[in-house]
């Protein structure tokens, strides 16, 4: 995408300066393309496992820890499991899980 602006700079009492075209390349991506690209990059990391088809039910925290310590999720087969984690990222797009109060164990 080619963007830019043509400026005409005038100073009172001086001749008009030449026009200046500021042009720089701009790159754009659709949201689905950004999401797919990021997912592919994350899947390449050796210490991360992507569980397809699972649905997160809640973010878990412990009473003495002021942070998320894991998640409860449901597998495609309908089994409910708890997964401990050092880092929890709510990438659902609407913050529905992080809006509520996390459950305590």
N, C-alpha and C. Protein backbone atom coordinates (compact mmCIF):
# COMPACT_ATOMS: atom_id res chain seq x y z
N UNK A 1 0.85 -1.14 0.00
CA UNK A 1 0.00 0.00 0.00
C UNK A 1 0.92 1.23 0.00
N UNK A 2 0.68 2.12 -0.89
CA UNK A 2 1.50 3.34 -0.99
C UNK A 2 0.73 4.49 -0.37
N UNK A 3 1.27 4.99 0.75
CA UNK A 3 0.65 6.14 1.39
C UNK A 3 1.64 7.28 1.43
N UNK A 4 1.19 8.42 1.69
CA UNK A 4 2.07 9.58 1.77
C UNK A 4 1.27 10.85 1.64
N UNK A 5 1.93 11.94 1.86
CA UNK A 5 1.29 13.24 1.81
C UNK A 5 2.20 14.21 1.09
N UNK A 6 1.62 15.11 0.35
CA UNK A 6 2.40 16.17 -0.29
C UNK A 6 2.23 17.42 0.56
N UNK A 7 3.35 17.96 1.03
CA UNK A 7 3.32 19.16 1.86
C UNK A 7 3.77 20.36 1.05
N UNK A 8 3.12 21.46 1.31
CA UNK A 8 3.52 22.74 0.75
C UNK A 8 3.78 23.65 1.95
N UNK A 9 5.05 23.99 2.16
CA UNK A 9 5.46 24.74 3.34
C UNK A 9 5.67 26.19 2.95
N UNK A 10 4.97 27.09 3.62
CA UNK A 10 5.09 28.52 3.31
C UNK A 10 5.52 29.29 4.55
N UNK A 11 6.45 30.21 4.35
CA UNK A 11 6.91 31.09 5.42
C UNK A 11 6.64 32.51 4.97
N UNK A 12 5.95 33.29 5.81
CA UNK A 12 5.65 34.67 5.41
C UNK A 12 6.93 35.45 5.05
N UNK A 13 6.88 36.17 3.93
CA UNK A 13 8.01 36.98 3.50
C UNK A 13 9.05 36.23 2.69
N UNK A 14 8.87 34.94 2.49
CA UNK A 14 9.82 34.15 1.70
C UNK A 14 9.09 33.51 0.53
N UNK A 15 9.85 33.13 -0.46
CA UNK A 15 9.27 32.42 -1.60
C UNK A 15 8.74 31.07 -1.13
N UNK A 16 7.77 30.58 -1.85
CA UNK A 16 7.19 29.28 -1.51
C UNK A 16 8.24 28.20 -1.69
N UNK A 17 8.36 27.33 -0.70
CA UNK A 17 9.32 26.24 -0.77
C UNK A 17 8.80 25.18 -1.74
N UNK A 18 9.67 24.35 -2.29
CA UNK A 18 9.20 23.31 -3.19
C UNK A 18 8.31 22.29 -2.45
N UNK A 19 7.43 21.68 -3.20
CA UNK A 19 6.55 20.65 -2.60
C UNK A 19 7.40 19.46 -2.16
N UNK A 20 7.01 18.89 -1.04
CA UNK A 20 7.72 17.74 -0.49
C UNK A 20 6.75 16.58 -0.45
N UNK A 21 7.12 15.49 -1.08
CA UNK A 21 6.27 14.30 -1.02
C UNK A 21 6.87 13.34 -0.01
N UNK A 22 6.12 13.08 1.06
CA UNK A 22 6.54 12.11 2.05
C UNK A 22 5.88 10.78 1.70
N UNK A 23 6.68 9.80 1.43
CA UNK A 23 6.14 8.51 1.02
C UNK A 23 6.90 7.42 1.76
N UNK A 24 6.16 6.51 2.33
CA UNK A 24 6.79 5.37 2.99
C UNK A 24 5.88 4.16 2.79
N UNK A 25 6.49 2.98 2.76
CA UNK A 25 5.66 1.79 2.55
C UNK A 25 4.83 1.48 3.79
N UNK A 26 3.63 1.02 3.58
CA UNK A 26 2.74 0.61 4.65
C UNK A 26 2.26 -0.80 4.36
N UNK A 27 2.27 -1.64 5.38
CA UNK A 27 1.83 -3.02 5.22
C UNK A 27 0.55 -3.23 6.01
N UNK A 28 -0.34 -4.00 5.47
CA UNK A 28 -1.59 -4.26 6.17
C UNK A 28 -1.94 -5.74 6.05
N UNK A 29 -2.68 -6.23 7.05
CA UNK A 29 -3.14 -7.62 7.07
C UNK A 29 -4.55 -7.64 7.62
N UNK A 30 -5.32 -8.61 7.18
CA UNK A 30 -6.65 -8.80 7.76
C UNK A 30 -6.49 -9.48 9.12
N UNK A 31 -7.49 -9.36 9.97
CA UNK A 31 -7.41 -9.99 11.28
C UNK A 31 -7.24 -11.51 11.18
N UNK A 32 -8.00 -12.21 10.32
CA UNK A 32 -7.79 -13.66 10.21
C UNK A 32 -6.35 -14.02 9.79
N UNK A 33 -5.75 -13.22 8.91
CA UNK A 33 -4.38 -13.49 8.50
C UNK A 33 -3.40 -13.27 9.65
N UNK A 34 -3.62 -12.22 10.44
CA UNK A 34 -2.77 -11.97 11.61
C UNK A 34 -2.89 -13.14 12.59
N UNK A 35 -4.12 -13.57 12.87
CA UNK A 35 -4.33 -14.66 13.81
C UNK A 35 -3.69 -15.95 13.33
N UNK A 36 -3.83 -16.27 12.05
CA UNK A 36 -3.24 -17.50 11.52
C UNK A 36 -1.72 -17.44 11.55
N UNK A 37 -1.17 -16.29 11.21
CA UNK A 37 0.29 -16.12 11.23
C UNK A 37 0.83 -16.27 12.65
N UNK A 38 0.19 -15.62 13.62
CA UNK A 38 0.62 -15.74 15.01
C UNK A 38 0.49 -17.17 15.52
N UNK A 39 -0.61 -17.82 15.16
CA UNK A 39 -0.80 -19.21 15.61
C UNK A 39 0.30 -20.11 15.05
N UNK A 40 0.65 -19.96 13.79
CA UNK A 40 1.73 -20.77 13.21
C UNK A 40 3.05 -20.53 13.93
N UNK A 41 3.34 -19.28 14.27
CA UNK A 41 4.58 -18.97 14.97
C UNK A 41 4.59 -19.59 16.37
N UNK A 42 3.45 -19.53 17.06
CA UNK A 42 3.36 -20.12 18.40
C UNK A 42 3.51 -21.63 18.32
N UNK A 43 2.91 -22.26 17.32
CA UNK A 43 2.98 -23.72 17.18
C UNK A 43 4.41 -24.19 16.92
N UNK A 44 5.26 -23.33 16.41
CA UNK A 44 6.66 -23.70 16.16
C UNK A 44 7.50 -23.74 17.44
N UNK A 45 7.02 -23.11 18.51
CA UNK A 45 7.76 -23.09 19.76
C UNK A 45 7.70 -24.47 20.42
N UNK A 46 8.82 -24.95 20.87
CA UNK A 46 8.89 -26.30 21.42
C UNK A 46 8.24 -26.48 22.78
N UNK A 47 8.15 -25.43 23.56
CA UNK A 47 7.60 -25.57 24.91
C UNK A 47 6.13 -25.18 25.02
N UNK A 48 5.43 -25.10 23.88
CA UNK A 48 4.01 -24.76 23.86
C UNK A 48 3.26 -25.83 23.10
N UNK A 49 2.15 -26.28 23.68
CA UNK A 49 1.29 -27.26 23.02
C UNK A 49 -0.06 -26.61 22.75
N UNK A 50 -0.51 -26.64 21.51
CA UNK A 50 -1.83 -26.11 21.16
C UNK A 50 -2.81 -27.27 21.19
N UNK A 51 -3.84 -27.15 22.02
CA UNK A 51 -4.87 -28.18 22.12
C UNK A 51 -6.06 -27.73 21.27
N UNK A 52 -6.25 -28.39 20.16
CA UNK A 52 -7.32 -28.01 19.23
C UNK A 52 -8.68 -28.52 19.71
N UNK A 53 -9.69 -27.70 19.48
CA UNK A 53 -11.06 -28.11 19.77
C UNK A 53 -11.45 -28.06 21.23
N UNK A 54 -10.56 -27.62 22.10
CA UNK A 54 -10.87 -27.54 23.52
C UNK A 54 -11.54 -26.20 23.83
N UNK A 55 -12.37 -26.22 24.86
CA UNK A 55 -13.06 -25.00 25.27
C UNK A 55 -12.69 -24.69 26.71
N UNK A 56 -12.13 -23.51 26.95
CA UNK A 56 -11.78 -23.11 28.31
C UNK A 56 -13.05 -22.76 29.06
N UNK A 57 -13.19 -23.34 30.25
CA UNK A 57 -14.37 -23.10 31.08
C UNK A 57 -14.12 -22.01 32.12
N UNK A 58 -12.91 -22.00 32.69
CA UNK A 58 -12.60 -21.00 33.70
C UNK A 58 -11.10 -20.87 33.88
N UNK A 59 -10.70 -19.73 34.42
CA UNK A 59 -9.31 -19.49 34.78
C UNK A 59 -9.19 -19.80 36.26
N UNK A 60 -8.15 -20.56 36.63
CA UNK A 60 -7.98 -21.04 37.99
C UNK A 60 -6.93 -20.21 38.71
N UNK A 61 -7.19 -19.93 39.98
CA UNK A 61 -6.18 -19.30 40.84
C UNK A 61 -6.27 -19.94 42.22
N UNK A 62 -5.22 -19.81 42.99
CA UNK A 62 -5.21 -20.34 44.35
C UNK A 62 -5.41 -19.18 45.31
N UNK A 63 -5.93 -19.47 46.49
CA UNK A 63 -6.26 -18.43 47.46
C UNK A 63 -5.05 -17.60 47.87
N UNK A 64 -3.87 -18.22 47.99
CA UNK A 64 -2.68 -17.50 48.46
C UNK A 64 -1.87 -16.88 47.31
N UNK A 65 -2.30 -17.08 46.08
CA UNK A 65 -1.59 -16.54 44.92
C UNK A 65 -2.49 -15.52 44.23
N UNK A 66 -1.98 -14.33 43.99
CA UNK A 66 -2.77 -13.29 43.34
C UNK A 66 -2.54 -13.30 41.83
N UNK A 67 -2.60 -14.48 41.25
CA UNK A 67 -2.38 -14.62 39.81
C UNK A 67 -3.07 -15.89 39.33
N UNK A 68 -3.25 -15.98 38.03
CA UNK A 68 -3.80 -17.20 37.44
C UNK A 68 -2.76 -18.30 37.54
N UNK A 69 -3.21 -19.50 37.90
CA UNK A 69 -2.30 -20.64 38.01
C UNK A 69 -2.64 -21.75 37.03
N UNK A 70 -3.69 -21.57 36.26
CA UNK A 70 -4.07 -22.58 35.28
C UNK A 70 -5.45 -22.32 34.72
N UNK A 71 -5.97 -23.34 34.05
CA UNK A 71 -7.31 -23.25 33.46
C UNK A 71 -8.05 -24.56 33.66
N UNK A 72 -9.37 -24.48 33.61
CA UNK A 72 -10.21 -25.67 33.50
C UNK A 72 -10.76 -25.66 32.09
N UNK A 73 -10.69 -26.81 31.43
CA UNK A 73 -11.15 -26.85 30.04
C UNK A 73 -11.89 -28.14 29.74
N UNK A 74 -12.58 -28.14 28.62
CA UNK A 74 -13.33 -29.30 28.16
C UNK A 74 -12.76 -29.76 26.84
N UNK A 75 -12.47 -31.06 26.73
CA UNK A 75 -11.91 -31.62 25.50
C UNK A 75 -13.02 -31.82 24.48
N UNK A 76 -12.67 -32.07 23.21
CA UNK A 76 -13.70 -32.33 22.21
C UNK A 76 -14.59 -33.53 22.56
N UNK A 77 -14.05 -34.48 23.34
CA UNK A 77 -14.83 -35.65 23.75
C UNK A 77 -15.75 -35.36 24.93
N UNK A 78 -15.66 -34.15 25.50
CA UNK A 78 -16.53 -33.77 26.61
C UNK A 78 -15.92 -33.97 27.98
N UNK A 79 -14.66 -34.43 28.04
CA UNK A 79 -13.98 -34.60 29.33
C UNK A 79 -13.55 -33.24 29.87
N UNK A 80 -13.69 -33.05 31.18
CA UNK A 80 -13.26 -31.80 31.81
C UNK A 80 -11.94 -32.04 32.53
N UNK A 81 -10.98 -31.15 32.29
CA UNK A 81 -9.65 -31.29 32.86
C UNK A 81 -9.16 -29.96 33.39
N UNK A 82 -8.16 -30.03 34.26
CA UNK A 82 -7.49 -28.83 34.78
C UNK A 82 -6.05 -28.87 34.30
N UNK A 83 -5.57 -27.75 33.82
CA UNK A 83 -4.20 -27.65 33.32
C UNK A 83 -3.49 -26.54 34.08
N UNK A 84 -2.42 -26.91 34.81
CA UNK A 84 -1.63 -25.90 35.50
C UNK A 84 -0.73 -25.20 34.49
N UNK A 85 -0.50 -23.92 34.71
CA UNK A 85 0.32 -23.15 33.77
C UNK A 85 1.02 -22.01 34.48
N UNK A 86 2.21 -21.66 33.99
CA UNK A 86 2.94 -20.50 34.51
C UNK A 86 2.40 -19.20 33.90
N UNK A 87 1.83 -19.31 32.70
CA UNK A 87 1.30 -18.14 32.01
C UNK A 87 -0.03 -18.50 31.38
N UNK A 88 -1.04 -17.68 31.61
CA UNK A 88 -2.36 -17.88 31.01
C UNK A 88 -2.67 -16.66 30.17
N UNK A 89 -3.00 -16.87 28.90
CA UNK A 89 -3.34 -15.79 27.99
C UNK A 89 -4.78 -16.00 27.54
N UNK A 90 -5.64 -15.01 27.82
CA UNK A 90 -7.02 -15.06 27.34
C UNK A 90 -7.04 -14.45 25.95
N UNK A 91 -7.05 -15.30 24.93
CA UNK A 91 -7.04 -14.84 23.55
C UNK A 91 -8.41 -15.05 22.90
N UNK A 92 -9.46 -15.03 23.72
CA UNK A 92 -10.81 -15.26 23.20
C UNK A 92 -11.33 -14.08 22.41
N UNK A 93 -10.72 -12.92 22.59
CA UNK A 93 -11.12 -11.76 21.80
C UNK A 93 -12.11 -10.85 22.48
N UNK A 94 -12.82 -11.34 23.49
CA UNK A 94 -13.79 -10.46 24.14
C UNK A 94 -13.60 -10.37 25.64
N UNK A 95 -12.60 -11.04 26.19
CA UNK A 95 -12.32 -10.95 27.61
C UNK A 95 -13.37 -11.59 28.49
N UNK A 96 -14.18 -12.49 27.93
CA UNK A 96 -15.29 -13.06 28.70
C UNK A 96 -14.80 -13.85 29.91
N UNK A 97 -13.65 -14.51 29.82
CA UNK A 97 -13.16 -15.27 30.96
C UNK A 97 -12.49 -14.38 31.99
N UNK A 98 -11.83 -13.33 31.56
CA UNK A 98 -11.11 -12.48 32.50
C UNK A 98 -12.01 -11.43 33.15
N UNK A 99 -13.23 -11.27 32.66
CA UNK A 99 -14.14 -10.30 33.26
C UNK A 99 -14.64 -10.81 34.60
N UNK A 100 -14.91 -12.10 34.69
CA UNK A 100 -15.41 -12.68 35.94
C UNK A 100 -14.29 -12.88 36.94
N UNK A 101 -14.67 -13.19 38.16
CA UNK A 101 -13.70 -13.45 39.22
C UNK A 101 -13.20 -14.88 39.06
N UNK A 102 -11.87 -15.10 39.05
CA UNK A 102 -11.34 -16.46 38.91
C UNK A 102 -11.77 -17.34 40.10
N UNK A 103 -11.94 -18.63 39.84
CA UNK A 103 -12.29 -19.56 40.89
C UNK A 103 -11.07 -19.85 41.76
N UNK A 104 -11.30 -20.15 43.02
CA UNK A 104 -10.21 -20.51 43.94
C UNK A 104 -10.25 -21.99 44.21
N UNK A 105 -9.08 -22.60 44.33
CA UNK A 105 -9.01 -24.02 44.68
C UNK A 105 -8.95 -24.18 46.18
